[in-house]
Amino acid sequence: MKYDIIIIGAGIIGLATGLKFLEKNPNLKILLLEKENGIAKHQTGNNSGVIHSGIYYKPGSMKARNCINGYNQLLEFCAKNDIKFDICGKLIVAVKEKEILYLEKLFERGIENGLKGLQKLTREELKDFEPNVNGVAGIFVPQTGIIDFLEVSKKYCEVIQNYGVDINLNEEVIGIQVATDSCEVISKNKSYQTKKVVSCAGLFSDRIAKMTHPDLNLRIIPFRGEYYKIKAERKHLVKNLIYPVPDPNFPFLGVHFTRTINDEVEAGPNAVLAFHREGYKKSDINVKDTWETFTWPGFLSIAKEYWRMGFGEFYRSYFKTAFVHALQKLIPEITKEDLERGGSGVRAQACDKSGGLLDDFFIVGNDRIHHVCNAPSPAATASLSIGEYIAEKILTN
């Protein structure tokens, strides 16, 4: 059987892309290939479940455009399909006077990105939202919410299967051959014929992309994010979501507090270099993954400049007291005894050869093939918009 489109990867982006193809043309024959035994096993199923507002992203960037558009589509989809979510808002808190300047820039960026109802807060006004927070100033972002993105992914999957999409699990793609009028996608088990290909391979996006774009100038560097949970008797310390002012030099938001849709409170994540692209435990090591990280010129440039910060992340990972110290900048009352070990996730962070950590979404392709090469947060929030963008690009060529 020859398919119209094969999508590689059944995370939230792959599933949303399939849905958007079918909304535009319900008669398309689509196959979705996933190397795991179920959908959304990695980044989608291991994130903090935050519906992002778009306040952080450079106006006009792919992240800004797709986050805002995707946010609106996501809420509409969830309301239509009875998926639980809560638009609870969040605080971004400056804990030092020197952070206020960048806090102001975030406020201005949010206005430029079309956010309404943003509130600048004084030290005293912060306490009205979060009585236990420490800070000199802050922003309340009313658009931020919480959700379970695994549940969203399951519903995307159900909808596209109702359209007749084939989803083949346990199919790891090992090659893509491009001919004059078709493509062959080769898995470890068999090969498939298709007119067009979209890869949404997350932690392996660079390897899949290089099958057709061998000169790709980036590599995925995996960063593990580890969480603690606040014990039930101390959950009252956090009402909703509390974030620090992020370091503008890095595409990470810093350790923060998040109330989940299941009414737990998570603290974290850190951003620790992982030695396995699917390394959810400290002991997980993959020789190929580690070799590819440490032989990439871009990573070596980052390590040379920011090695102290990197070691600091490892230190916080291995020593709970250090992790707690970082959290106490926002909630001084939190103690080591208040926390129990939570889960972890691995972020696929694209790094170019010169040492730049890509901050924006990055999709490479032509009229036949598109590869999603960098889609970190807020990709889950933006999933339907990213899928719509890819579908339009593929179907108009």
Protein backbone atom coordinates (compact mmCIF):
# COMPACT_ATOMS: atom_id res chain seq x y z
CA MET A 1 0.00 0.00 0.00
CA LYS A 2 1.26 3.47 -0.85
CA TYR A 3 0.44 6.19 1.64
CA ASP A 4 -0.05 9.86 0.97
CA ILE A 5 1.86 10.79 4.13
CA ILE A 6 3.95 8.96 6.68
CA ILE A 7 4.53 10.65 10.02
CA ILE A 8 7.46 9.44 12.12
CA GLY A 9 6.87 9.81 15.86
CA ALA A 10 3.69 9.51 17.94
CA GLY A 11 4.36 12.23 20.45
CA ILE A 12 2.00 15.16 20.72
CA ILE A 13 3.49 16.94 17.67
CA GLY A 14 3.21 13.91 15.39
CA LEU A 15 -0.35 13.23 16.50
CA ALA A 16 -1.40 16.87 16.14
CA THR A 17 0.16 17.01 12.67
CA GLY A 18 -1.83 13.97 11.60
CA LEU A 19 -5.00 15.60 12.91
CA LYS A 20 -4.35 18.82 10.99
CA PHE A 21 -3.68 16.94 7.75
CA LEU A 22 -7.03 15.21 8.10
CA GLU A 23 -8.92 18.38 8.94
CA LYS A 24 -7.66 19.78 5.65
CA ASN A 25 -8.25 16.59 3.65
CA PRO A 26 -10.10 13.72 5.36
CA ASN A 27 -9.37 11.40 2.43
CA LEU A 28 -5.61 11.30 2.94
CA LYS A 29 -4.06 7.88 3.57
CA ILE A 30 -1.78 8.44 6.56
CA LEU A 31 0.52 6.09 8.43
CA LEU A 32 2.06 7.03 11.77
CA LEU A 33 5.16 5.08 12.83
CA GLU A 34 6.27 4.95 16.47
CA LYS A 35 9.29 3.09 17.81
CA GLU A 36 7.79 2.57 21.28
CA ASN A 37 4.92 0.27 22.28
CA GLY A 38 2.61 3.22 22.94
CA ILE A 39 2.13 6.89 22.17
CA ALA A 40 3.66 9.90 23.94
CA LYS A 41 6.22 7.87 25.89
CA HIS A 42 8.95 10.48 26.18
CA GLN A 43 8.85 14.31 26.20
CA THR A 44 5.06 14.48 25.90
CA GLY A 45 4.42 12.03 28.70
CA ASN A 46 7.04 13.41 31.09
CA ASN A 47 6.49 17.16 31.15
CA SER A 48 4.97 19.34 33.86
CA GLY A 49 1.62 19.84 32.12
CA VAL A 50 1.71 23.63 31.85
CA ILE A 51 -0.36 25.47 29.23
CA HIS A 52 2.01 28.28 28.32
CA SER A 53 0.84 31.81 27.62
CA GLY A 54 3.56 32.99 25.22
CA ILE A 55 5.06 35.67 27.46
CA TYR A 56 8.66 34.49 27.12
CA TYR A 57 9.04 34.33 23.37
CA LYS A 58 10.50 36.87 20.98
CA PRO A 59 7.67 38.59 19.09
CA GLY A 60 7.40 37.25 15.56
CA SER A 61 9.34 34.07 16.35
CA MET A 62 7.91 30.65 15.57
CA LYS A 63 7.51 30.04 19.30
CA ALA A 64 5.53 33.25 19.80
CA ARG A 65 3.26 32.76 16.78
CA ASN A 66 2.59 29.10 17.36
CA CYS A 67 2.22 29.33 21.13
CA ILE A 68 -0.52 31.94 20.95
CA ASN A 69 -2.33 30.27 18.06
CA GLY A 70 -1.83 26.81 19.55
CA TYR A 71 -3.04 27.97 22.97
CA ASN A 72 -6.37 29.07 21.52
CA GLN A 73 -6.77 25.89 19.46
CA LEU A 74 -5.81 23.69 22.42
CA LEU A 75 -8.41 25.21 24.74
CA GLU A 76 -11.09 24.92 22.06
CA PHE A 77 -10.16 21.26 21.43
CA CYS A 78 -10.18 20.43 25.14
CA ALA A 79 -13.52 22.13 25.75
CA LYS A 80 -15.03 20.26 22.80
CA ASN A 81 -13.66 16.90 23.95
CA ASP A 82 -14.20 17.24 27.71
CA ILE A 83 -10.51 17.25 28.61
CA LYS A 84 -9.90 18.73 32.04
CA PHE A 85 -7.78 21.88 32.26
CA ASP A 86 -7.49 24.86 34.60
CA ILE A 87 -6.49 28.39 33.58
CA CYS A 88 -5.11 29.29 37.00
CA GLY A 89 -2.48 31.86 36.04
CA LYS A 90 1.09 32.03 37.28
CA LEU A 91 3.60 34.32 38.91
CA ILE A 92 7.01 35.23 37.51
CA VAL A 93 9.00 36.46 40.49
CA ALA A 94 12.14 38.58 40.73
CA VAL A 95 13.98 37.63 43.91
CA LYS A 96 16.76 40.21 43.43
CA GLU A 97 16.66 43.86 42.43
CA LYS A 98 18.91 43.18 39.43
CA GLU A 99 16.26 40.86 37.96
CA ILE A 100 13.64 43.60 37.73
CA LEU A 101 15.03 44.96 34.45
CA TYR A 102 14.53 41.63 32.67
CA LEU A 103 11.17 41.22 34.40
CA GLU A 104 10.14 44.51 32.76
CA LYS A 105 11.31 43.18 29.40
CA LEU A 106 9.16 40.09 29.88
CA PHE A 107 6.15 42.26 30.65
CA GLU A 108 6.74 44.30 27.47
CA ARG A 109 7.22 41.11 25.46
CA GLY A 110 3.95 39.74 26.76
CA ILE A 111 2.14 42.90 25.69
CA GLU A 112 3.76 42.69 22.23
CA ASN A 113 2.59 39.08 21.95
CA GLY A 114 -0.99 40.16 22.61
CA LEU A 115 -1.46 39.01 26.20
CA LYS A 116 -4.21 40.84 28.08
CA GLY A 117 -4.55 41.37 31.80
CA LEU A 118 -0.88 41.08 32.75
CA GLN A 119 -0.30 42.63 36.17
CA LYS A 120 2.90 44.12 37.58
CA LEU A 121 3.17 43.28 41.25
CA THR A 122 5.06 44.81 44.13
CA ARG A 123 6.61 42.80 46.95
CA GLU A 124 3.40 43.23 48.97
CA GLU A 125 1.08 42.41 46.07
CA LEU A 126 2.89 39.13 45.41
CA LYS A 127 1.59 37.93 48.77
CA ASP A 128 -2.01 38.41 47.61
CA PHE A 129 -1.44 35.66 45.05
CA GLU A 130 1.07 33.46 46.88
CA PRO A 131 1.29 34.20 50.63
CA ASN A 132 4.52 32.21 51.07
CA VAL A 133 6.48 33.58 48.13
CA ASN A 134 9.66 35.62 48.43
CA GLY A 135 10.32 38.34 45.89
CA VAL A 136 10.90 42.03 45.28
CA ALA A 137 8.56 42.27 42.27
CA GLY A 138 6.60 40.07 39.92
CA ILE A 139 4.19 39.59 37.05
CA PHE A 140 0.89 37.77 37.21
CA VAL A 141 0.15 36.01 33.91
CA PRO A 142 -3.56 35.12 33.86
CA GLN A 143 -3.44 33.00 30.68
CA THR A 144 -1.22 30.22 32.04
CA GLY A 145 -2.92 26.95 32.89
CA ILE A 146 -2.42 23.29 33.73
CA ILE A 147 -3.43 20.12 31.92
CA ASP A 148 -2.40 16.50 31.34
CA PHE A 149 -0.80 16.44 27.88
CA LEU A 150 -0.84 12.64 27.84
CA GLU A 151 -4.65 12.80 27.98
CA VAL A 152 -4.60 15.37 25.17
CA SER A 153 -2.39 13.06 23.10
CA LYS A 154 -4.70 10.11 23.69
CA LYS A 155 -7.63 12.16 22.40
CA TYR A 156 -5.66 13.31 19.33
CA CYS A 157 -4.89 9.64 18.72
CA GLU A 158 -8.52 8.60 19.09
CA VAL A 159 -9.69 11.28 16.67
CA ILE A 160 -7.18 10.44 13.93
CA GLN A 161 -7.87 6.72 14.27
CA ASN A 162 -11.56 7.49 13.73
CA TYR A 163 -10.47 9.05 10.44
CA GLY A 164 -8.81 5.75 9.54
CA VAL A 165 -5.16 6.56 10.21
CA ASP A 166 -2.89 3.54 10.62
CA ILE A 167 -0.68 3.72 13.73
CA ASN A 168 2.08 1.11 13.78
CA LEU A 169 3.89 0.77 17.10
CA ASN A 170 7.28 -0.88 17.71
CA GLU A 171 8.48 0.42 14.34
CA GLU A 172 11.85 2.13 14.69
CA VAL A 173 12.77 3.96 11.51
CA ILE A 174 16.32 3.25 10.29
CA GLY A 175 16.26 4.82 6.83
CA ILE A 176 14.48 7.09 4.36
CA GLN A 177 15.05 6.76 0.62
CA VAL A 178 13.84 9.52 -1.70
CA ALA A 179 12.98 8.68 -5.32
CA THR A 180 11.64 10.80 -8.15
CA ASP A 181 7.98 10.52 -7.25
CA SER A 182 7.91 8.76 -3.88
CA CYS A 183 9.71 8.06 -0.62
CA GLU A 184 10.51 4.79 1.08
CA VAL A 185 10.53 4.76 4.87
CA ILE A 186 12.42 1.77 6.23
CA SER A 187 11.90 0.43 9.73
CA LYS A 188 13.62 -2.45 11.49
CA ASN A 189 10.67 -4.63 10.51
CA LYS A 190 9.64 -3.59 7.00
CA SER A 191 9.54 -0.74 4.50
CA TYR A 192 6.68 1.56 3.49
CA GLN A 193 5.97 3.61 0.38
CA THR A 194 4.65 7.14 0.62
CA LYS A 195 4.37 10.36 -1.32
CA LYS A 196 5.51 12.59 1.54
CA VAL A 197 7.17 12.31 4.95
CA VAL A 198 6.99 14.30 8.17
CA SER A 199 9.30 13.42 11.06
CA CYS A 200 8.49 14.46 14.63
CA ALA A 201 11.10 12.32 16.31
CA GLY A 202 11.85 14.37 19.43
CA LEU A 203 15.01 13.13 21.09
CA PHE A 204 16.11 11.49 17.83
CA SER A 205 15.02 14.26 15.48
CA ASP A 206 18.54 15.04 14.30
CA ARG A 207 19.29 11.41 13.39
CA ILE A 208 16.07 11.06 11.42
CA ALA A 209 16.60 14.42 9.69
CA LYS A 210 20.13 13.47 8.61
CA MET A 211 18.70 10.54 6.67
CA THR A 212 17.61 13.08 4.04
CA HIS A 213 19.57 16.19 5.11
CA PRO A 214 23.09 14.89 5.82
CA ASP A 215 24.54 18.39 6.19
CA LEU A 216 22.19 19.31 9.04
CA ASN A 217 24.07 21.78 11.24
CA LEU A 218 22.71 20.76 14.62
CA ARG A 219 22.74 17.96 17.14
CA ILE A 220 20.34 17.05 19.91
CA ILE A 221 21.88 17.44 23.36
CA PRO A 222 19.73 15.71 26.01
CA PHE A 223 19.09 17.46 29.32
CA ARG A 224 17.35 15.58 32.10
CA GLY A 225 14.89 17.54 34.21
CA GLU A 226 14.31 16.10 37.68
CA TYR A 227 11.36 16.90 39.93
CA TYR A 228 10.48 16.65 43.57
CA LYS A 229 6.93 16.54 44.88
CA ILE A 230 5.79 18.52 47.89
CA LYS A 231 4.29 16.23 50.49
CA ALA A 232 0.53 16.42 50.92
CA GLU A 233 0.66 18.09 54.32
CA ARG A 234 2.81 20.93 52.92
CA LYS A 235 1.08 21.54 49.59
CA HIS A 236 -0.53 24.65 51.03
CA LEU A 237 2.80 26.45 50.58
CA VAL A 238 2.03 26.79 46.85
CA LYS A 239 -1.38 27.78 45.50
CA ASN A 240 -0.70 27.62 41.74
CA LEU A 241 2.43 28.23 39.64
CA ILE A 242 5.51 30.17 40.74
CA TYR A 243 8.42 30.77 38.33
CA PRO A 244 11.68 32.69 38.74
CA VAL A 245 12.91 35.26 36.24
CA PRO A 246 14.76 33.07 33.69
CA ASP A 247 18.37 33.51 32.67
CA PRO A 248 18.14 35.07 29.18
CA ASN A 249 21.33 33.23 28.13
CA PHE A 250 19.64 29.82 28.29
CA PRO A 251 16.40 28.31 26.93
CA PHE A 252 15.45 26.95 30.37
CA LEU A 253 13.04 28.55 32.83
CA GLY A 254 14.77 27.63 36.09
CA VAL A 255 13.46 25.52 38.97
CA HIS A 256 9.90 26.46 39.82
CA PHE A 257 6.73 25.29 41.55
CA THR A 258 3.83 23.84 39.58
CA ARG A 259 0.43 22.68 40.75
CA THR A 260 -0.63 19.83 38.48
CA ILE A 261 -4.08 19.03 37.13
CA ASN A 262 -4.08 16.04 39.53
CA ASP A 263 -3.68 18.46 42.46
CA GLU A 264 -0.09 17.60 43.27
CA VAL A 265 2.64 20.24 43.57
CA GLU A 266 5.92 19.65 41.75
CA ALA A 267 9.20 21.44 42.38
CA GLY A 268 11.75 21.61 39.57
CA PRO A 269 13.00 20.78 37.07
CA ASN A 270 16.72 21.25 36.97
CA ALA A 271 18.57 20.87 33.64
CA VAL A 272 21.24 18.18 33.94
CA LEU A 273 23.24 16.93 30.97
CA ALA A 274 22.05 13.37 30.31
CA PHE A 275 24.31 10.58 29.08
CA HIS A 276 21.40 8.81 27.39
CA ARG A 277 18.80 10.41 25.15
CA GLU A 278 16.20 8.45 27.08
CA GLY A 279 18.10 8.60 30.36
CA TYR A 280 15.51 9.19 33.04
CA LYS A 281 17.79 7.94 35.82
CA LYS A 282 21.22 9.21 36.83
CA SER A 283 22.66 5.76 36.13
CA ASP A 284 21.39 5.63 32.52
CA ILE A 285 24.29 5.74 30.08
CA ASN A 286 24.34 5.13 26.33
CA VAL A 287 27.78 5.10 24.71
CA LYS A 288 26.60 6.32 21.30
CA ASP A 289 24.52 9.15 22.76
CA THR A 290 27.36 10.27 25.04
CA TRP A 291 29.94 10.09 22.25
CA GLU A 292 27.75 12.20 19.96
CA THR A 293 27.36 14.84 22.67
CA PHE A 294 31.03 15.10 23.64
CA THR A 295 32.32 15.10 20.06
CA TRP A 296 29.99 17.86 18.88
CA PRO A 297 31.91 21.16 18.52
CA GLY A 298 28.90 23.16 19.65
CA PHE A 299 28.65 21.27 22.93
CA LEU A 300 32.36 21.72 23.58
CA SER A 301 31.96 25.47 23.12
CA ILE A 302 29.09 25.56 25.63
CA ALA A 303 30.98 23.39 28.12
CA LYS A 304 34.03 25.63 27.93
CA GLU A 305 32.04 28.78 28.68
CA TYR A 306 29.43 27.49 31.12
CA TRP A 307 31.11 24.56 32.87
CA ARG A 308 30.51 26.07 36.31
CA MET A 309 26.78 26.24 35.70
CA GLY A 310 26.81 22.67 34.38
CA PHE A 311 28.56 21.36 37.47
CA GLY A 312 26.11 23.31 39.60
CA GLU A 313 23.23 21.42 37.98
CA PHE A 314 24.96 18.09 38.67
CA TYR A 315 25.56 19.14 42.26
CA ARG A 316 21.88 19.98 42.77
CA SER A 317 20.96 16.68 41.13
CA TYR A 318 23.01 14.60 43.57
CA PHE A 319 22.52 16.68 46.72
CA LYS A 320 18.96 17.34 47.79
CA THR A 321 20.04 20.14 50.13
CA ALA A 322 21.40 22.11 47.18
CA PHE A 323 18.18 21.58 45.24
CA VAL A 324 16.18 22.81 48.23
CA HIS A 325 18.42 25.87 48.53
CA ALA A 326 17.48 26.85 44.95
CA LEU A 327 13.79 26.41 45.76
CA GLN A 328 14.07 28.48 48.93
CA LYS A 329 14.83 31.55 46.84
CA LEU A 330 11.13 31.50 45.91
CA ILE A 331 9.61 29.80 48.97
CA PRO A 332 11.91 30.31 51.99
CA GLU A 333 9.75 28.09 54.19
CA ILE A 334 10.31 24.97 52.07
CA THR A 335 12.56 22.34 53.70
CA LYS A 336 14.21 19.11 52.66
CA GLU A 337 11.68 17.18 54.73
CA ASP A 338 8.81 18.71 52.71
CA LEU A 339 9.94 17.03 49.49
CA GLU A 340 9.81 13.52 48.12
CA ARG A 341 11.36 12.30 44.90
CA GLY A 342 9.20 12.86 41.82
CA GLY A 343 9.59 11.93 38.20
CA SER A 344 11.91 13.14 35.48
CA GLY A 345 11.90 13.95 31.81
CA VAL A 346 14.54 14.45 29.12
CA ARG A 347 14.48 17.57 26.96
CA ALA A 348 15.70 17.36 23.38
CA GLN A 349 17.73 20.56 23.03
CA ALA A 350 19.14 21.34 19.59
CA CYS A 351 22.64 22.80 19.54
CA ASP A 352 24.32 24.16 16.43
CA LYS A 353 27.97 23.63 15.54
CA SER A 354 29.05 27.02 16.87
CA GLY A 355 27.62 26.39 20.33
CA GLY A 356 24.25 28.07 20.06
CA LEU A 357 21.37 26.44 21.92
CA LEU A 358 18.43 26.92 19.55
CA ASP A 359 15.76 28.89 21.35
CA ASP A 360 13.12 28.82 18.62
CA PHE A 361 11.29 25.99 16.93
CA PHE A 362 13.23 24.75 13.92
CA ILE A 363 11.73 22.79 11.04
CA VAL A 364 13.73 21.86 7.95
CA GLY A 365 12.41 20.42 4.72
CA ASN A 366 11.26 20.74 1.14
CA ASP A 367 8.11 20.03 -0.81
CA ARG A 368 8.27 16.30 0.01
CA ILE A 369 9.80 16.00 3.46
CA HIS A 370 9.63 18.05 6.65
CA HIS A 371 11.63 17.35 9.81
CA VAL A 372 10.76 18.95 13.16
CA CYS A 373 14.30 19.34 14.49
CA ASN A 374 13.77 21.50 17.57
CA ALA A 375 10.46 21.64 19.39
CA PRO A 376 11.00 22.13 23.13
CA SER A 377 8.55 23.91 25.41
CA PRO A 378 6.00 25.33 24.57
CA ALA A 379 5.60 22.69 21.85
CA ALA A 380 2.83 20.81 23.67
CA THR A 381 0.79 24.00 24.06
CA ALA A 382 1.56 24.88 20.43
CA SER A 383 1.04 21.38 19.03
CA LEU A 384 -2.06 22.05 16.93
CA SER A 385 -0.54 25.22 15.50
CA ILE A 386 2.73 23.45 14.63
CA GLY A 387 0.74 20.65 13.01
CA GLU A 388 -1.27 23.19 11.05
CA TYR A 389 1.92 24.92 9.86
CA ILE A 390 3.41 21.63 8.63
CA ALA A 391 0.19 20.48 6.97
CA GLU A 392 -0.12 23.75 5.07
CA LYS A 393 3.50 23.58 3.94
CA ILE A 394 3.21 19.99 2.73
CA LEU A 395 -0.22 20.22 1.10
CA THR A 396 0.41 23.48 -0.76
CA ASN A 397 3.51 22.05 -2.49
